[in-house]
Each structure stands twice: as C-alpha cells, then as structure tokens.
C-alpha atoms as a PDB file:
ATOM      1  CA  MET A   1      -0.100   0.181   0.138  1.00  0.00           C
ATOM      2  CA  ASN A   2       1.410   3.236  -0.993  1.00  0.00           C
ATOM      3  CA  THR A   3       0.763   5.147   2.486  1.00  0.00           C
ATOM      4  CA  GLY A   4       2.663   7.923   1.211  1.00  0.00           C
ATOM      5  CA  ARG A   5       0.656   9.075  -1.696  1.00  0.00           C
ATOM      6  CA  ILE A   6      -2.498   8.683   0.336  1.00  0.00           C
ATOM      7  CA  PHE A   7      -1.422  10.895   2.993  1.00  0.00           C
ATOM      8  CA  ARG A   8      -0.393  13.627   0.439  1.00  0.00           C
ATOM      9  CA  THR A   9      -3.628  13.255  -1.140  1.00  0.00           C
ATOM     10  CA  VAL A  10      -5.392  13.576   1.982  1.00  0.00           C
ATOM     11  CA  MET A  11      -3.417  16.525   3.134  1.00  0.00           C
ATOM     12  CA  GLY A  12      -3.891  18.305  -0.332  1.00  0.00           C
ATOM     13  CA  ALA A  13      -7.622  17.896   0.276  1.00  0.00           C
ATOM     14  CA  ALA A  14      -7.628  18.957   3.612  1.00  0.00           C
ATOM     15  CA  MET A  15      -5.403  22.227   2.346  1.00  0.00           C
ATOM     16  CA  ALA A  16      -7.831  22.816  -0.518  1.00  0.00           C
ATOM     17  CA  THR A  17     -10.851  22.679   2.005  1.00  0.00           C
ATOM     18  CA  VAL A  18      -8.843  25.143   4.385  1.00  0.00           C
ATOM     19  CA  ALA A  19      -8.130  27.292   1.276  1.00  0.00           C
ATOM     20  CA  LEU A  20     -11.802  27.155  -0.160  1.00  0.00           C
ATOM     21  CA  ALA A  21     -12.595  28.444   3.224  1.00  0.00           C
ATOM     22  CA  ALA A  22     -10.636  31.176   3.688  1.00  0.00           C
ATOM     23  CA  CYS A  23     -11.640  32.461   0.135  1.00  0.00           C
ATOM     24  CA  ASN A  24     -15.298  31.974   0.960  1.00  0.00           C
ATOM     25  CA  PRO A  25     -16.704  35.290  -0.399  1.00  0.00           C
ATOM     26  CA  ARG A  26     -19.875  34.968   2.047  1.00  0.00           C
ATOM     27  CA  SER A  27     -17.704  34.807   5.238  1.00  0.00           C
ATOM     28  CA  MET A  28     -15.237  37.868   3.958  1.00  0.00           C
ATOM     29  CA  LEU A  29     -15.072  40.943   6.071  1.00  0.00           C
ATOM     30  CA  THR A  30     -16.930  43.292   3.736  1.00  0.00           C
ATOM     31  CA  ASP A  31     -19.333  46.096   4.100  1.00  0.00           C
ATOM     32  CA  SER A  32     -21.980  44.039   1.823  1.00  0.00           C
ATOM     33  CA  ASN A  33     -21.459  40.912   4.034  1.00  0.00           C
ATOM     34  CA  LEU A  34     -21.819  42.827   7.515  1.00  0.00           C
ATOM     35  CA  LEU A  35     -24.713  44.588   6.206  1.00  0.00           C
ATOM     36  CA  LYS A  36     -26.651  41.305   5.205  1.00  0.00           C
ATOM     37  CA  GLY A  37     -25.541  39.339   8.297  1.00  0.00           C
ATOM     38  CA  ALA A  38     -27.351  42.610  10.268  1.00  0.00           C
ATOM     39  CA  ARG A  39     -30.847  42.806   8.213  1.00  0.00           C
ATOM     40  CA  ALA A  40     -30.707  38.909   8.628  1.00  0.00           C
ATOM     41  CA  GLU A  41     -30.242  39.109  12.521  1.00  0.00           C
ATOM     42  CA  THR A  42     -32.687  41.848  12.855  1.00  0.00           C
ATOM     43  CA  PHE A  43     -35.362  40.272  11.097  1.00  0.00           C
ATOM     44  CA  VAL A  44     -37.019  39.358  13.949  1.00  0.00           C
ATOM     45  CA  LEU A  45     -37.289  42.374  15.005  1.00  0.00           C
ATOM     46  CA  SER A  46     -40.025  43.557  12.345  1.00  0.00           C
ATOM     47  CA  HIS A  47     -42.172  45.021  15.380  1.00  0.00           C
ATOM     48  CA  GLY A  48     -40.934  45.977  18.516  1.00  0.00           C
ATOM     49  CA  ALA A  49     -37.529  46.750  18.028  1.00  0.00           C
ATOM     50  CA  LEU A  50     -37.655  49.677  20.551  1.00  0.00           C
ATOM     51  CA  CYS A  51     -38.810  49.656  24.070  1.00  0.00           C
ATOM     52  CA  ALA A  52     -39.499  51.976  26.444  1.00  0.00           C
ATOM     53  CA  ARG A  53     -39.203  50.734  30.337  1.00  0.00           C
ATOM     54  CA  LEU A  54     -42.000  51.176  32.275  1.00  0.00           C
ATOM     55  CA  PRO A  55     -42.351  53.505  35.215  1.00  0.00           C
ATOM     56  CA  SER A  56     -42.074  51.688  38.841  1.00  0.00           C
ATOM     57  CA  GLY A  57     -44.726  51.822  41.286  1.00  0.00           C
ATOM     58  CA  THR A  58     -42.646  53.780  43.658  1.00  0.00           C
ATOM     59  CA  ALA A  59     -41.845  56.218  40.959  1.00  0.00           C
ATOM     60  CA  ILE A  60     -45.434  56.638  40.344  1.00  0.00           C
ATOM     61  CA  GLU A  61     -46.343  56.923  44.266  1.00  0.00           C
ATOM     62  CA  GLN A  62     -43.524  59.724  44.735  1.00  0.00           C
ATOM     63  CA  TYR A  63     -44.920  61.474  41.731  1.00  0.00           C
ATOM     64  CA  ALA A  64     -48.415  61.408  42.718  1.00  0.00           C
ATOM     65  CA  ARG A  65     -47.355  62.332  46.214  1.00  0.00           C
ATOM     66  CA  ASP A  66     -45.337  65.799  44.872  1.00  0.00           C
ATOM     67  CA  GLU A  67     -42.163  63.812  46.801  1.00  0.00           C
ATOM     68  CA  VAL A  68     -39.843  64.347  43.625  1.00  0.00           C
ATOM     69  CA  PRO A  69     -39.935  67.398  41.576  1.00  0.00           C
ATOM     70  CA  GLU A  70     -41.516  67.355  38.038  1.00  0.00           C
ATOM     71  CA  THR A  71     -37.926  68.296  36.869  1.00  0.00           C
ATOM     72  CA  SER A  72     -36.111  65.480  38.258  1.00  0.00           C
ATOM     73  CA  ALA A  73     -35.604  62.165  36.279  1.00  0.00           C
ATOM     74  CA  VAL A  74     -38.228  60.352  37.845  1.00  0.00           C
ATOM     75  CA  GLY A  75     -40.822  63.410  37.572  1.00  0.00           C
ATOM     76  CA  ARG A  76     -39.727  63.689  33.997  1.00  0.00           C
ATOM     77  CA  GLU A  77     -40.318  59.872  33.585  1.00  0.00           C
ATOM     78  CA  VAL A  78     -43.731  59.704  34.854  1.00  0.00           C
ATOM     79  CA  LYS A  79     -45.242  62.806  33.704  1.00  0.00           C
ATOM     80  CA  ALA A  80     -43.730  61.559  30.100  1.00  0.00           C
ATOM     81  CA  TRP A  81     -45.954  58.267  30.585  1.00  0.00           C
ATOM     82  CA  ASP A  82     -48.887  60.307  31.808  1.00  0.00           C
ATOM     83  CA  LEU A  83     -48.903  62.720  29.023  1.00  0.00           C
ATOM     84  CA  SER A  84     -48.144  59.941  26.610  1.00  0.00           C
ATOM     85  CA  GLY A  85     -51.853  58.822  26.777  1.00  0.00           C
ATOM     86  CA  LEU A  86     -50.517  55.013  26.263  1.00  0.00           C
ATOM     87  CA  LEU A  87     -51.079  53.815  29.375  1.00  0.00           C
ATOM     88  CA  ASP A  88     -54.104  54.265  32.146  1.00  0.00           C
ATOM     89  CA  ILE A  89     -52.224  54.514  35.290  1.00  0.00           C
ATOM     90  CA  LEU A  90     -54.989  53.392  38.082  1.00  0.00           C
ATOM     91  CA  GLN A  91     -54.624  52.870  41.858  1.00  0.00           C
ATOM     92  CA  THR A  92     -56.049  49.934  43.376  1.00  0.00           C
ATOM     93  CA  ARG A  93     -58.057  50.124  46.508  1.00  0.00           C
ATOM     94  CA  ASP A  94     -55.241  48.496  48.568  1.00  0.00           C
ATOM     95  CA  GLY A  95     -52.898  51.468  47.179  1.00  0.00           C
ATOM     96  CA  ARG A  96     -51.140  49.432  44.594  1.00  0.00           C
ATOM     97  CA  TRP A  97     -50.529  51.236  41.182  1.00  0.00           C
ATOM     98  CA  VAL A  98     -51.558  49.023  37.859  1.00  0.00           C
ATOM     99  CA  LEU A  99     -50.622  50.080  34.368  1.00  0.00           C
ATOM    100  CA  LEU A 100     -53.212  49.414  31.859  1.00  0.00           C
ATOM    101  CA  PRO A 101     -53.153  49.473  28.284  1.00  0.00           C
ATOM    102  CA  SER A 102     -55.137  52.532  27.159  1.00  0.00           C
ATOM    103  CA  PRO A 103     -57.864  52.998  24.398  1.00  0.00           C
ATOM    104  CA  GLY A 104     -55.448  54.695  22.277  1.00  0.00           C
ATOM    105  CA  LEU A 105     -52.828  52.194  22.632  1.00  0.00           C
ATOM    106  CA  LYS A 106     -55.051  49.552  21.617  1.00  0.00           C
ATOM    107  CA  THR A 107     -55.492  51.372  17.909  1.00  0.00           C
ATOM    108  CA  LEU A 108     -51.467  51.162  17.378  1.00  0.00           C
ATOM    109  CA  LYS A 109     -50.339  48.200  15.451  1.00  0.00           C
ATOM    110  CA  GLY A 110     -47.135  46.136  16.577  1.00  0.00           C
ATOM    111  CA  VAL A 111     -46.776  47.822  19.800  1.00  0.00           C
ATOM    112  CA  HIS A 112     -46.611  45.162  22.752  1.00  0.00           C
ATOM    113  CA  PHE A 113     -45.333  44.665  26.151  1.00  0.00           C
ATOM    114  CA  ARG A 114     -41.779  43.277  27.214  1.00  0.00           C
ATOM    115  CA  LYS A 115     -41.927  41.074  30.153  1.00  0.00           C
ATOM    116  CA  GLY A 116     -39.027  41.049  32.310  1.00  0.00           C
ATOM    117  CA  PRO A 117     -37.086  38.456  34.664  1.00  0.00           C
ATOM    118  CA  SER A 118     -39.785  38.087  37.019  1.00  0.00           C
ATOM    119  CA  GLY A 119     -42.445  37.445  34.496  1.00  0.00           C
ATOM    120  CA  GLU A 120     -44.067  41.305  34.761  1.00  0.00           C
ATOM    121  CA  ASN A 121     -44.387  43.702  31.922  1.00  0.00           C
ATOM    122  CA  ASP A 122     -41.501  45.920  32.340  1.00  0.00           C
ATOM    123  CA  ALA A 123     -41.486  47.620  28.752  1.00  0.00           C
ATOM    124  CA  LEU A 124     -43.479  48.986  26.122  1.00  0.00           C
ATOM    125  CA  CYS A 125     -42.295  48.190  22.701  1.00  0.00           C
ATOM    126  CA  PHE A 126     -42.646  49.362  19.316  1.00  0.00           C
ATOM    127  CA  GLY A 127     -41.033  49.861  15.843  1.00  0.00           C
ATOM    128  CA  ARG A 128     -40.168  47.916  12.880  1.00  0.00           C
ATOM    129  CA  LEU A 129     -36.333  48.323  12.531  1.00  0.00           C
ATOM    130  CA  TRP A 130     -34.541  48.741   9.141  1.00  0.00           C
ATOM    131  CA  ILE A 131     -30.368  48.217   8.724  1.00  0.00           C
ATOM    132  CA  GLU A 132     -29.734  51.282   6.183  1.00  0.00           C
ATOM    133  CA  GLY A 133     -25.781  50.526   5.596  1.00  0.00           C
ATOM    134  CA  VAL A 134     -22.706  50.242   7.595  1.00  0.00           C
ATOM    135  CA  ILE A 135     -20.637  53.335   9.031  1.00  0.00           C
ATOM    136  CA  ASP A 136     -17.633  51.593  10.410  1.00  0.00           C
ATOM    137  CA  TYR A 137     -16.593  48.545  12.320  1.00  0.00           C
ATOM    138  CA  ARG A 138     -13.781  47.482  14.633  1.00  0.00           C
ATOM    139  CA  GLU A 139     -11.803  44.126  14.768  1.00  0.00           C
ATOM    140  CA  ASP A 140     -12.078  44.038  18.383  1.00  0.00           C
ATOM    141  CA  LYS A 141     -12.891  40.433  18.760  1.00  0.00           C
ATOM    142  CA  PRO A 142     -16.251  40.575  20.981  1.00  0.00           C
ATOM    143  CA  PHE A 143     -17.141  37.559  22.992  1.00  0.00           C
ATOM    144  CA  GLY A 144     -13.586  36.748  22.951  1.00  0.00           C
ATOM    145  CA  LEU A 145     -13.947  35.315  19.178  1.00  0.00           C
ATOM    146  CA  ASP A 146     -10.809  35.784  17.008  1.00  0.00           C
ATOM    147  CA  LYS A 147     -12.871  36.957  13.753  1.00  0.00           C
ATOM    148  CA  ALA A 148     -15.516  38.610  15.420  1.00  0.00           C
ATOM    149  CA  VAL A 149     -16.431  42.396  14.940  1.00  0.00           C
ATOM    150  CA  THR A 150     -18.234  45.076  16.604  1.00  0.00           C
ATOM    151  CA  ALA A 151     -20.115  47.379  13.314  1.00  0.00           C
ATOM    152  CA  ARG A 152     -22.011  50.407  13.364  1.00  0.00           C
ATOM    153  CA  PHE A 153     -24.930  50.624  11.329  1.00  0.00           C
ATOM    154  CA  LYS A 154     -27.176  53.608   9.954  1.00  0.00           C
ATOM    155  CA  ALA A 155     -30.796  52.713  10.894  1.00  0.00           C
ATOM    156  CA  ASN A 156     -34.440  53.926  10.857  1.00  0.00           C
ATOM    157  CA  LEU A 157     -37.750  52.632  11.653  1.00  0.00           C
ATOM    158  CA  LYS A 158     -40.202  51.871   8.949  1.00  0.00           C
ATOM    159  CA  ASP A 159     -42.932  53.063  11.022  1.00  0.00           C
ATOM    160  CA  ALA A 160     -41.003  56.173  12.137  1.00  0.00           C
ATOM    161  CA  GLU A 161     -44.270  57.548  12.895  1.00  0.00           C
ATOM    162  CA  MET A 162     -44.925  55.558  16.002  1.00  0.00           C
ATOM    163  CA  LEU A 163     -41.910  57.498  17.197  1.00  0.00           C
ATOM    164  CA  ARG A 164     -44.194  61.181  18.013  1.00  0.00           C
ATOM    165  CA  HIS A 165     -46.300  58.352  20.523  1.00  0.00           C
ATOM    166  CA  PHE A 166     -43.033  57.655  22.525  1.00  0.00           C
ATOM    167  CA  ARG A 167     -42.193  61.318  22.673  1.00  0.00           C
ATOM    168  CA  GLY A 168     -40.352  62.450  25.957  1.00  0.00           C
ATOM    169  CA  LEU A 169     -39.699  58.574  26.788  1.00  0.00           C
ATOM    170  CA  LYS A 170     -36.422  57.077  26.721  1.00  0.00           C
ATOM    171  CA  VAL A 171     -36.055  53.895  24.489  1.00  0.00           C
ATOM    172  CA  GLU A 172     -33.471  51.178  24.210  1.00  0.00           C
ATOM    173  CA  SER A 173     -33.105  48.093  22.168  1.00  0.00           C
ATOM    174  CA  PHE A 174     -35.604  45.201  22.689  1.00  0.00           C
ATOM    175  CA  ASP A 175     -32.615  42.580  23.086  1.00  0.00           C
ATOM    176  CA  PRO A 176     -29.220  44.139  23.535  1.00  0.00           C
ATOM    177  CA  ALA A 177     -27.903  40.471  22.583  1.00  0.00           C
ATOM    178  CA  ILE A 178     -28.884  41.505  19.104  1.00  0.00           C
ATOM    179  CA  PHE A 179     -28.443  45.171  18.904  1.00  0.00           C
ATOM    180  CA  THR A 180     -27.375  48.237  21.035  1.00  0.00           C
ATOM    181  CA  LEU A 181     -28.454  52.031  20.472  1.00  0.00           C
ATOM    182  CA  SER A 182     -24.909  53.911  20.059  1.00  0.00           C
ATOM    183  CA  THR A 183     -26.134  55.787  22.922  1.00  0.00           C
ATOM    184  CA  GLY A 184     -27.256  52.923  25.068  1.00  0.00           C
ATOM    185  CA  THR A 185     -30.714  54.802  25.374  1.00  0.00           C
ATOM    186  CA  ALA A 186     -32.051  57.748  23.545  1.00  0.00           C
ATOM    187  CA  PHE A 187     -35.173  59.698  23.711  1.00  0.00           C
ATOM    188  CA  ALA A 188     -37.698  58.729  20.852  1.00  0.00           C
ATOM    189  CA  ASP A 189     -37.672  62.275  19.768  1.00  0.00           C
ATOM    190  CA  ASP A 190     -34.190  62.040  18.716  1.00  0.00           C
ATOM    191  CA  LEU A 191     -34.653  59.109  16.468  1.00  0.00           C
ATOM    192  CA  GLN A 192     -35.411  60.688  13.667  1.00  0.00           C
ATOM    193  CA  PRO A 193     -34.810  60.486  10.562  1.00  0.00           C
ATOM    194  CA  GLU A 194     -31.849  57.985  11.594  1.00  0.00           C
ATOM    195  CA  PHE A 195     -30.148  56.919  14.402  1.00  0.00           C
ATOM    196  CA  VAL A 196     -26.699  54.498  14.937  1.00  0.00           C
ATOM    197  CA  VAL A 197     -27.054  50.690  16.126  1.00  0.00           C
ATOM    198  CA  GLU A 198     -24.149  48.554  17.295  1.00  0.00           C
ATOM    199  CA  MET A 199     -23.760  44.511  16.567  1.00  0.00           C
ATOM    200  CA  ALA A 200     -21.450  42.076  17.398  1.00  0.00           C
ATOM    201  CA  LEU A 201     -20.803  39.662  14.240  1.00  0.00           C
ATOM    202  CA  HIS A 202     -19.030  36.791  13.682  1.00  0.00           C
ATOM    203  CA  PRO A 203     -18.397  35.106  10.275  1.00  0.00           C
ATOM    204  CA  ALA A 204     -19.524  31.854   9.352  1.00  0.00           C
ATOM    205  CA  SER A 205     -19.326  29.493   5.936  1.00  0.00           C
ATOM    206  CA  THR A 206     -22.764  30.815   5.357  1.00  0.00           C
ATOM    207  CA  GLY A 207     -22.456  34.736   6.169  1.00  0.00           C
ATOM    208  CA  TRP A 208     -22.194  36.610   9.425  1.00  0.00           C
ATOM    209  CA  TYR A 209     -24.233  35.762  12.213  1.00  0.00           C
ATOM    210  CA  LEU A 210     -24.338  37.264  15.943  1.00  0.00           C
ATOM    211  CA  ALA A 211     -21.294  36.672  17.717  1.00  0.00           C
ATOM    212  CA  LYS A 212     -22.991  35.739  21.015  1.00  0.00           C
ATOM    213  CA  GLY A 213     -24.413  32.973  19.112  1.00  0.00           C
ATOM    214  CA  ALA A 214     -21.691  32.088  16.938  1.00  0.00           C
ATOM    215  CA  ASP A 215     -21.297  28.593  18.822  1.00  0.00           C
ATOM    216  CA  GLU A 216     -24.803  27.582  18.049  1.00  0.00           C
ATOM    217  CA  VAL A 217     -24.088  28.440  14.329  1.00  0.00           C
ATOM    218  CA  HIS A 218     -20.839  26.328  14.142  1.00  0.00           C
ATOM    219  CA  ALA A 219     -22.247  23.560  15.685  1.00  0.00           C
ATOM    220  CA  ILE A 220     -25.185  23.453  13.313  1.00  0.00           C
ATOM    221  CA  GLU A 221     -22.763  23.549  10.493  1.00  0.00           C
ATOM    222  CA  ARG A 222     -20.704  20.767  11.838  1.00  0.00           C
ATOM    223  CA  VAL A 223     -23.807  18.500  11.776  1.00  0.00           C
ATOM    224  CA  ALA A 224     -24.886  19.635   8.319  1.00  0.00           C
ATOM    225  CA  ALA A 225     -21.471  18.966   6.808  1.00  0.00           C
ATOM    226  CA  PRO A 226     -21.062  15.881   4.727  1.00  0.00           C
END
C-alpha cells in the first residue's frame, strides 16, 4: 500500500478545503456581508425593536405625592408616560399602582409589552427596524472570538410615525444581544430620521451571524457538513 501517496492526497484535499474556506466570499469581512448579516439577524425585530421601560410603582407613588420635583429624572419619566396617553395609570383600593393599555394604545399596530425576568411587564415596545448601511467596524474580537467584529450601522424605523407616540420617553433595544443603540438609550424624539446601532457579528461559512450565538451556528454547520 502506498501510504505516502494516500497521505499526500488527504493533506492536499484538507489544504484545499482550508483555502476554499478562507476565500469563501460570504465569510469575508466586507461592508456588503456585514449588512446582509445585520439585516438577517434583525429580521425577527420587524415589530417591537425599541422599548420604553415602564415606570415603577414607587416612581408613580412619589410623583403622585409630589415627593419628587417634576424636573427630576423620576418626575420627567412619570409625567412623560402620563402625557403619552399610552397607558391608564390606576390605583387599586389596596394602594397598588396598575398600568393598563389605554384605548389609544389598543389602536396602534405592532406595539406590545416586554416581560422582565420576574415575568411582569417591564417595557412597552414598538418600531420596525431597518438597517440602512454600514458606518464602520472594529476588529475587537467581541465575546473573545478571533474573527468577530463590532459594527456600527445607520438605521431607521419603517414606521417612524410611531416615535411621536413615545415623545419624551427614553427607549432602548428590545434585546441588547441582537443590537444596541450607540448611545445605550435615547429619547424617542431624537431618533429621526436616522440613528446608529451597534452589533457584534462573527463569520461562518454561510455568512455573518450574531457573535453571541456563534457557537450554535458552528455546531449546526458541523452537523450539516457531509
């Protein structure tokens, strides 16, 4: 048996596979590939990409009792929610504050509550996110992944008219694992006509995916590989 020839053949095939993977156009670090990956990963956020955190019962109580100035952070937050007309803020007989959807909120499409770790509603979410284009990226290896990058994108809302209903309210990403606002949070009024989002992305043979879920993507590829 000519083991040397077999070894050279196997090694040649392996090296060809590595070279092919390295030259895979879908995994190359280009603006086009990053944009495709960002749009694919944010498709799930076609409704409810941005969220405004609900005021706490304590904050409402302090505001109702004039225990905080209207110009304080707490005062401005509760007042903004009160003026928004999105919620009916009611006090029960036992003194608890309850937040209910207002009749106006029920007429808005694509608005929904986000639940916090305790299982209770912690934010009201809205907006159909659209990634416009790449601004720049940093090869900073997020999550310790060698080829991962943190990219900044120009973004807007397909239903930008929704922003006026959240005027004066601070908003954040529905899921920071998918994207974050470059400023962390921002007033809804400041998100027109465009804003900047950041995403951590990592290449795979089929394109660019969220860096946080890179292990799952590679595991699927290994299973699917012939």
